[in-house]
Amino acid sequence: MADAIATEMKSLLDLAIEKKASDLHLTVGLPPILRIDGRLIPIADKNVLTAETCEKLILSIMLPDQVERLRQRKEIDFSFGYQQTRFRSNVFYQKGYLSAALRLISLKVKTIDELGLPPILEKFTLVSQGLVIITGPTGHGKSTTLAAVIEHINQNRSDHIITIEDPIEYVFEHKKSIVSQREVSSDTNSFSRALRSALRQDPDVILVGEMRDLETIDAALTLAETGHLVFTTLHTNSASQTADRMIDVFPPHQQQQIRMQLANVLLGVVSQRLLPRISGGRVLACEIMMANSAVRNTIREGKTHQLPNIIQTSASEGMISLDKVLAELVSKGEITIDDALAWSLDPKAFKMMVY
């Protein structure tokens, strides 16, 4: 960063860190905006951004080769470090003007305990083969959960961990494990190509930042099937929807084969939400589906509509439905009923749990 524009950008980054924001938005026609505890809040003493100022602010955090790729592709993902924080950045054009959304990521990888994640997640770190999927909406902590799980393995197992991300978010230090982090664009041309190459890189554990398409899903299933432990994310609202989403991207003639593959390799699905806490901050709500014999048979037979019922009746195996977690948080006074209802998968059943 250089000159007065760089100084102004630094002040915005400093303020985002100070306010514990999750995101910083730069958009022409608005002042800089922070997302704090899930809500968008304009920075009060900042002027509305002009096209010229907005562009200069954004370009001040970019390298020349990133600017070139932006001009060619009209959008770009990248990350950079500043003041003990990483900023996962997406720069894009809207109505012909440059805009940016910057996600704040701590340089410190928090543990499963520190994040308040269900302890059962540690079970996924003890196995040597299979597929674990973290799901939920954008901005609800999927990457943070994955990082905690990977760091647990890093601290406790002597493995080769390969991460494939777009862009790299949390940066891991080599501890008991070797951690090879590959970023799409700078280290590899695509998720699918990196996944195909991973088989020749002697991996034990593979983190796929996101399953975006048929090729990536297919490669992740194959890696899990060939003796590797694979962690990934998917943008779905529930455990049962996750199975359907993965299967439905394939042509009809392949879907039965994919059902069989998924049923054989799946270890579990964690579907999570971050909700506003009444006392301030946010609280985590997790639905957990462990792949027991009932879950595997249900997926194999294409009866995924039965999965919610299996989750509800398998508490002894560590499973819990999202609505039950939401009801518990309401009863503890952690969240409001309105916020819980907004994220409930079955509002009618949820109301029966609460009232």
Protein backbone atom coordinates (compact mmCIF):
# COMPACT_ATOMS: atom_id res chain seq x y z
CA MET A 1 0.00 0.00 0.00
CA ALA A 2 1.20 3.52 -0.74
CA ASP A 3 0.20 7.19 -0.39
CA ALA A 4 -2.92 8.71 1.19
CA ILE A 5 -5.30 6.15 -0.34
CA ALA A 6 -3.32 3.34 1.23
CA THR A 7 -3.47 5.16 4.57
CA GLU A 8 -7.26 5.45 4.26
CA MET A 9 -7.52 1.75 3.38
CA LYS A 10 -5.42 0.85 6.41
CA SER A 11 -7.75 2.86 8.64
CA LEU A 12 -10.74 0.92 7.28
CA LEU A 13 -8.99 -2.41 7.87
CA ASP A 14 -7.99 -1.31 11.39
CA LEU A 15 -11.58 -0.30 12.17
CA ALA A 16 -12.94 -3.62 10.87
CA ILE A 17 -10.51 -5.46 13.16
CA GLU A 18 -11.27 -3.21 16.14
CA LYS A 19 -15.05 -3.63 15.75
CA LYS A 20 -14.67 -7.42 15.35
CA ALA A 21 -16.49 -7.24 12.03
CA SER A 22 -16.82 -10.34 9.89
CA ASP A 23 -16.80 -8.40 6.59
CA LEU A 24 -15.95 -5.03 5.06
CA HIS A 25 -17.86 -3.85 1.96
CA LEU A 26 -16.70 -1.14 -0.45
CA THR A 27 -19.39 -0.04 -2.91
CA VAL A 28 -19.75 3.12 -5.03
CA GLY A 29 -22.55 5.35 -3.79
CA LEU A 30 -22.35 4.15 -0.17
CA PRO A 31 -19.97 4.73 2.72
CA PRO A 32 -17.77 1.75 3.69
CA ILE A 33 -19.95 -0.81 5.46
CA LEU A 34 -19.07 -3.40 8.14
CA ARG A 35 -20.95 -6.59 8.90
CA ILE A 36 -21.01 -7.00 12.69
CA ASP A 37 -22.82 -9.93 14.34
CA GLY A 38 -24.50 -10.64 11.02
CA ARG A 39 -25.84 -7.10 10.48
CA LEU A 40 -24.62 -4.52 7.95
CA ILE A 41 -23.60 -1.23 9.61
CA PRO A 42 -22.37 1.84 7.65
CA ILE A 43 -19.27 3.50 9.10
CA ALA A 44 -20.76 6.72 10.46
CA ASP A 45 -17.97 9.23 9.88
CA LYS A 46 -16.98 8.06 6.38
CA ASN A 47 -18.06 9.79 3.18
CA VAL A 48 -20.02 8.10 0.40
CA LEU A 49 -17.50 6.43 -1.92
CA THR A 50 -17.07 7.92 -5.37
CA ALA A 51 -16.09 5.67 -8.27
CA GLU A 52 -12.55 7.08 -8.27
CA THR A 53 -12.00 6.73 -4.51
CA CYS A 54 -13.50 3.24 -4.37
CA GLU A 55 -11.27 2.04 -7.21
CA LYS A 56 -8.13 3.52 -5.66
CA LEU A 57 -8.91 1.98 -2.26
CA ILE A 58 -9.45 -1.46 -3.79
CA LEU A 59 -6.44 -1.37 -6.10
CA SER A 60 -4.21 -0.38 -3.15
CA ILE A 61 -4.58 -3.89 -1.68
CA MET A 62 -3.93 -5.72 -4.97
CA LEU A 63 -0.76 -6.93 -6.68
CA PRO A 64 -0.13 -6.05 -10.36
CA ASP A 65 -0.83 -9.60 -11.58
CA GLN A 66 -4.10 -9.64 -9.60
CA VAL A 67 -5.16 -6.36 -11.21
CA GLU A 68 -4.42 -7.85 -14.63
CA ARG A 69 -6.53 -10.94 -13.88
CA LEU A 70 -9.32 -8.70 -12.59
CA ARG A 71 -9.36 -6.71 -15.82
CA GLN A 72 -9.57 -9.94 -17.83
CA ARG A 73 -12.09 -11.89 -15.73
CA LYS A 74 -14.11 -9.01 -14.21
CA GLU A 75 -13.85 -10.61 -10.73
CA ILE A 76 -11.11 -12.13 -8.63
CA ASP A 77 -10.65 -13.96 -5.31
CA PHE A 78 -7.47 -13.41 -3.30
CA SER A 79 -6.33 -13.07 0.30
CA PHE A 80 -3.75 -11.01 2.14
CA GLY A 81 -2.46 -10.62 5.68
CA TYR A 82 -2.64 -7.43 7.75
CA GLN A 83 -2.29 -6.88 11.53
CA GLN A 84 -2.66 -10.51 12.65
CA THR A 85 -5.67 -10.93 10.38
CA ARG A 86 -6.16 -12.40 6.93
CA PHE A 87 -8.62 -10.78 4.58
CA ARG A 88 -10.31 -13.10 2.07
CA SER A 89 -11.23 -10.71 -0.68
CA ASN A 90 -13.51 -10.77 -3.68
CA VAL A 91 -13.22 -7.81 -6.05
CA PHE A 92 -15.83 -7.50 -8.77
CA TYR A 93 -17.56 -5.07 -11.11
CA GLN A 94 -21.13 -3.90 -10.60
CA LYS A 95 -22.75 -1.41 -12.96
CA GLY A 96 -19.30 -0.83 -14.39
CA TYR A 97 -17.73 0.16 -11.06
CA LEU A 98 -15.30 -1.75 -8.86
CA SER A 99 -16.64 -3.19 -5.60
CA ALA A 100 -15.06 -5.37 -2.93
CA ALA A 101 -16.17 -7.70 -0.16
CA LEU A 102 -13.44 -8.50 2.38
CA ARG A 103 -13.94 -11.33 4.91
CA LEU A 104 -11.86 -11.10 8.12
CA ILE A 105 -10.10 -14.30 9.17
CA SER A 106 -7.96 -14.56 12.30
CA LEU A 107 -4.38 -15.73 11.78
CA LYS A 108 -4.87 -17.92 14.84
CA VAL A 109 -6.68 -21.16 14.07
CA LYS A 110 -9.10 -21.76 16.94
CA THR A 111 -9.60 -25.23 18.38
CA ILE A 112 -12.79 -27.27 18.35
CA ASP A 113 -13.29 -26.40 22.05
CA GLU A 114 -12.63 -22.68 21.58
CA LEU A 115 -15.27 -22.48 18.85
CA GLY A 116 -17.84 -24.32 20.96
CA LEU A 117 -18.20 -27.02 18.31
CA PRO A 118 -19.80 -30.33 19.27
CA PRO A 119 -17.05 -32.61 20.69
CA ILE A 120 -18.24 -35.40 18.38
CA LEU A 121 -16.40 -33.63 15.56
CA GLU A 122 -13.17 -35.00 17.05
CA LYS A 123 -14.36 -38.48 16.03
CA PHE A 124 -13.95 -37.46 12.39
CA THR A 125 -10.25 -36.76 13.03
CA LEU A 126 -9.56 -40.29 14.27
CA VAL A 127 -10.39 -42.22 11.08
CA SER A 128 -8.17 -42.70 8.04
CA GLN A 129 -10.74 -42.86 5.24
CA GLY A 130 -14.07 -41.29 4.31
CA LEU A 131 -15.89 -38.03 3.53
CA VAL A 132 -16.97 -35.31 5.98
CA ILE A 133 -19.11 -32.42 4.69
CA ILE A 134 -19.65 -29.09 6.47
CA THR A 135 -22.71 -27.27 5.14
CA GLY A 136 -24.62 -24.06 5.73
CA PRO A 137 -25.15 -20.61 4.24
CA THR A 138 -22.29 -18.30 3.25
CA GLY A 139 -20.79 -16.48 6.23
CA HIS A 140 -21.84 -19.01 8.87
CA GLY A 141 -18.42 -20.33 9.82
CA LYS A 142 -17.91 -23.39 7.60
CA SER A 143 -14.28 -22.53 6.82
CA THR A 144 -13.56 -21.83 10.49
CA THR A 145 -14.98 -25.21 11.50
CA LEU A 146 -12.95 -26.99 8.83
CA ALA A 147 -9.80 -25.18 9.94
CA ALA A 148 -10.33 -26.32 13.56
CA VAL A 149 -10.74 -29.93 12.46
CA ILE A 150 -7.65 -29.80 10.22
CA GLU A 151 -5.60 -28.16 12.99
CA HIS A 152 -6.65 -30.96 15.39
CA ILE A 153 -5.24 -33.49 12.93
CA ASN A 154 -2.14 -31.33 12.42
CA GLN A 155 -1.46 -31.37 16.17
CA ASN A 156 -2.21 -35.03 16.80
CA ARG A 157 -1.35 -37.09 13.69
CA SER A 158 1.71 -37.52 11.48
CA ASP A 159 -0.02 -37.11 8.13
CA HIS A 160 0.37 -35.30 4.84
CA ILE A 161 -2.53 -32.85 4.66
CA ILE A 162 -3.28 -31.19 1.32
CA THR A 163 -5.69 -28.25 1.16
CA ILE A 164 -7.16 -26.95 -2.11
CA GLU A 165 -8.74 -23.54 -1.63
CA ASP A 166 -9.93 -20.49 -3.58
CA PRO A 167 -8.38 -18.50 -2.00
CA ILE A 168 -6.33 -19.81 0.95
CA GLU A 169 -8.01 -18.66 4.15
CA TYR A 170 -6.42 -19.97 7.34
CA VAL A 171 -2.66 -20.52 7.13
CA PHE A 172 -1.41 -23.63 8.93
CA GLU A 173 2.02 -24.20 10.43
CA HIS A 174 3.60 -27.64 10.03
CA LYS A 175 3.27 -29.42 13.38
CA LYS A 176 3.05 -33.22 13.57
CA SER A 177 1.77 -33.18 10.00
CA ILE A 178 3.00 -31.75 6.72
CA VAL A 179 0.41 -29.22 5.50
CA SER A 180 0.56 -28.41 1.77
CA GLN A 181 -1.81 -25.54 0.93
CA ARG A 182 -2.69 -24.97 -2.72
CA GLU A 183 -4.55 -21.92 -3.99
CA VAL A 184 -6.59 -22.03 -7.19
CA SER A 185 -5.09 -19.66 -9.79
CA SER A 186 -1.68 -19.21 -8.13
CA ASP A 187 -0.84 -22.87 -7.29
CA THR A 188 -3.24 -24.79 -9.53
CA ASN A 189 -5.58 -23.99 -12.40
CA SER A 190 -8.73 -25.59 -10.95
CA PHE A 191 -10.17 -27.62 -8.08
CA SER A 192 -10.72 -30.64 -10.32
CA ARG A 193 -7.15 -30.61 -11.69
CA ALA A 194 -5.68 -30.22 -8.19
CA LEU A 195 -7.81 -33.10 -6.94
CA ARG A 196 -6.67 -35.37 -9.76
CA SER A 197 -3.04 -34.50 -9.01
CA ALA A 198 -3.51 -35.03 -5.26
CA LEU A 199 -3.48 -38.81 -5.71
CA ARG A 200 0.17 -38.56 -6.81
CA GLN A 201 1.21 -36.35 -3.88
CA ASP A 202 1.08 -39.04 -1.16
CA PRO A 203 -1.80 -37.45 0.81
CA ASP A 204 -3.49 -38.80 3.93
CA VAL A 205 -5.98 -35.98 4.47
CA ILE A 206 -7.41 -33.68 1.79
CA LEU A 207 -9.39 -30.50 2.38
CA VAL A 208 -11.46 -29.33 -0.60
CA GLY A 209 -12.50 -25.72 0.04
CA GLU A 210 -15.82 -26.14 -1.74
CA MET A 211 -17.56 -28.73 -3.91
CA ARG A 212 -18.71 -26.44 -6.71
CA ASP A 213 -19.47 -28.74 -9.63
CA LEU A 214 -19.83 -32.30 -10.89
CA GLU A 215 -16.09 -32.75 -11.51
CA THR A 216 -15.15 -31.65 -7.98
CA ILE A 217 -17.82 -33.82 -6.32
CA ASP A 218 -16.78 -36.81 -8.42
CA ALA A 219 -13.11 -36.32 -7.55
CA ALA A 220 -13.86 -35.91 -3.82
CA LEU A 221 -15.87 -39.14 -3.77
CA THR A 222 -13.09 -40.99 -5.60
CA LEU A 223 -10.42 -39.73 -3.18
CA ALA A 224 -12.51 -40.81 -0.18
CA GLU A 225 -13.07 -44.18 -1.85
CA THR A 226 -9.36 -44.75 -2.46
CA GLY A 227 -8.27 -44.62 1.16
CA HIS A 228 -8.12 -40.91 2.02
CA LEU A 229 -9.85 -38.74 4.61
CA VAL A 230 -11.59 -35.89 2.76
CA PHE A 231 -13.14 -32.77 4.30
CA THR A 232 -15.17 -30.30 2.25
CA THR A 233 -18.03 -27.78 2.27
CA LEU A 234 -21.29 -27.43 0.39
CA HIS A 235 -23.93 -24.67 0.35
CA THR A 236 -26.98 -26.59 1.52
CA ASN A 237 -29.47 -26.06 4.35
CA SER A 238 -29.64 -29.52 5.89
CA ALA A 239 -28.00 -32.93 6.03
CA SER A 240 -30.72 -34.55 3.90
CA GLN A 241 -30.51 -31.80 1.29
CA THR A 242 -26.75 -32.36 1.09
CA ALA A 243 -27.13 -35.92 -0.14
CA ASP A 244 -29.71 -34.86 -2.74
CA ARG A 245 -27.57 -31.97 -3.99
CA MET A 246 -24.53 -34.19 -4.52
CA ILE A 247 -26.49 -36.87 -6.36
CA ASP A 248 -28.66 -34.54 -8.48
CA VAL A 249 -25.72 -32.83 -10.20
CA PHE A 250 -24.98 -36.08 -12.02
CA PRO A 251 -26.84 -37.31 -15.13
CA PRO A 252 -29.71 -39.70 -14.33
CA HIS A 253 -27.84 -42.76 -15.63
CA GLN A 254 -25.02 -42.13 -13.10
CA GLN A 255 -27.09 -41.30 -10.04
CA GLN A 256 -27.48 -44.83 -8.69
CA GLN A 257 -23.72 -45.34 -8.86
CA ILE A 258 -23.17 -42.03 -7.03
CA ARG A 259 -25.69 -43.04 -4.35
CA MET A 260 -23.68 -46.20 -3.77
CA GLN A 261 -20.38 -44.29 -3.63
CA LEU A 262 -21.73 -41.64 -1.26
CA ALA A 263 -23.33 -44.24 1.03
CA ASN A 264 -20.04 -46.15 1.21
CA VAL A 265 -17.68 -43.23 1.95
CA LEU A 266 -19.77 -40.73 3.93
CA LEU A 267 -18.75 -40.32 7.57
CA GLY A 268 -21.02 -37.44 8.50
CA VAL A 269 -22.58 -34.08 7.65
CA VAL A 270 -22.49 -31.02 9.90
CA SER A 271 -24.97 -28.28 8.95
CA GLN A 272 -24.32 -25.08 10.87
CA ARG A 273 -25.70 -21.59 11.45
CA LEU A 274 -24.40 -18.53 13.30
CA LEU A 275 -27.25 -16.65 14.99
CA PRO A 276 -27.31 -13.29 16.82
CA ARG A 277 -26.87 -13.86 20.56
CA ILE A 278 -29.25 -11.82 22.74
CA SER A 279 -26.34 -10.67 24.91
CA GLY A 280 -24.21 -9.72 21.89
CA GLY A 281 -22.05 -11.59 19.43
CA ARG A 282 -23.18 -14.75 17.68
CA VAL A 283 -23.86 -18.31 18.77
CA LEU A 284 -23.35 -21.51 16.79
CA ALA A 285 -26.14 -23.99 16.06
CA CYS A 286 -25.13 -27.33 14.49
CA GLU A 287 -27.19 -30.14 13.01
CA ILE A 288 -25.19 -33.37 13.01
CA MET A 289 -25.80 -36.49 10.93
CA MET A 290 -23.48 -39.44 11.48
CA ALA A 291 -23.40 -42.03 8.70
CA ASN A 292 -24.67 -45.13 10.54
CA SER A 293 -26.13 -48.17 8.77
CA ALA A 294 -29.62 -46.59 8.64
CA VAL A 295 -28.28 -43.42 7.00
CA ARG A 296 -26.19 -45.39 4.50
CA ASN A 297 -29.12 -47.63 3.52
CA THR A 298 -31.42 -44.62 3.14
CA ILE A 299 -28.97 -42.88 0.79
CA ARG A 300 -28.33 -46.11 -1.13
CA GLU A 301 -32.06 -46.67 -1.66
CA GLY A 302 -32.75 -43.05 -2.69
CA LYS A 303 -35.03 -42.39 0.31
CA THR A 304 -33.26 -39.27 1.58
CA HIS A 305 -36.58 -37.76 2.70
CA GLN A 306 -36.31 -40.19 5.66
CA LEU A 307 -32.99 -38.74 6.87
CA PRO A 308 -34.52 -36.03 9.13
CA ASN A 309 -36.44 -38.71 11.03
CA ILE A 310 -33.29 -40.83 11.43
CA ILE A 311 -31.43 -37.80 12.84
CA GLN A 312 -34.23 -37.13 15.34
CA THR A 313 -34.28 -40.73 16.59
CA SER A 314 -30.50 -41.28 16.79
CA ALA A 315 -29.48 -38.94 19.61
CA SER A 316 -27.64 -41.81 21.34
CA GLU A 317 -25.23 -41.92 18.38
CA GLY A 318 -24.44 -38.21 18.60
CA MET A 319 -26.95 -36.97 16.03
CA ILE A 320 -29.06 -33.88 16.62
CA SER A 321 -31.50 -31.95 14.43
CA LEU A 322 -31.09 -28.23 13.79
CA ASP A 323 -34.57 -27.48 15.13
CA LYS A 324 -33.78 -29.21 18.43
CA VAL A 325 -30.59 -27.18 18.82
CA LEU A 326 -32.49 -23.97 18.05
CA ALA A 327 -35.17 -24.87 20.62
CA GLU A 328 -32.47 -25.48 23.26
CA LEU A 329 -30.84 -22.13 22.51
CA VAL A 330 -34.21 -20.37 22.86
CA SER A 331 -34.92 -22.11 26.18
CA LYS A 332 -31.49 -21.04 27.50
CA GLY A 333 -32.21 -17.42 26.57
CA GLU A 334 -29.34 -17.36 24.06
CA ILE A 335 -31.38 -16.41 20.98
CA THR A 336 -34.82 -14.99 20.23
CA ILE A 337 -37.70 -17.12 18.97
CA ASP A 338 -37.92 -14.92 15.86
CA ASP A 339 -34.29 -15.55 14.93
CA ALA A 340 -34.72 -19.27 15.57
CA LEU A 341 -37.84 -19.42 13.39
CA ALA A 342 -35.99 -17.62 10.59
CA TRP A 343 -33.51 -20.54 10.39
CA SER A 344 -35.77 -23.42 11.40
CA LEU A 345 -36.09 -26.25 8.86
CA ASP A 346 -39.60 -27.17 10.09
CA PRO A 347 -41.18 -24.15 11.87
CA LYS A 348 -44.30 -26.11 12.85
CA ALA A 349 -42.28 -28.84 14.59
CA PHE A 350 -39.98 -26.23 16.11
CA LYS A 351 -42.92 -24.38 17.72
CA MET A 352 -44.07 -27.64 19.31
CA MET A 353 -40.61 -28.04 20.89
CA VAL A 354 -40.63 -24.51 22.31
CA TYR A 355 -44.22 -23.96 23.43
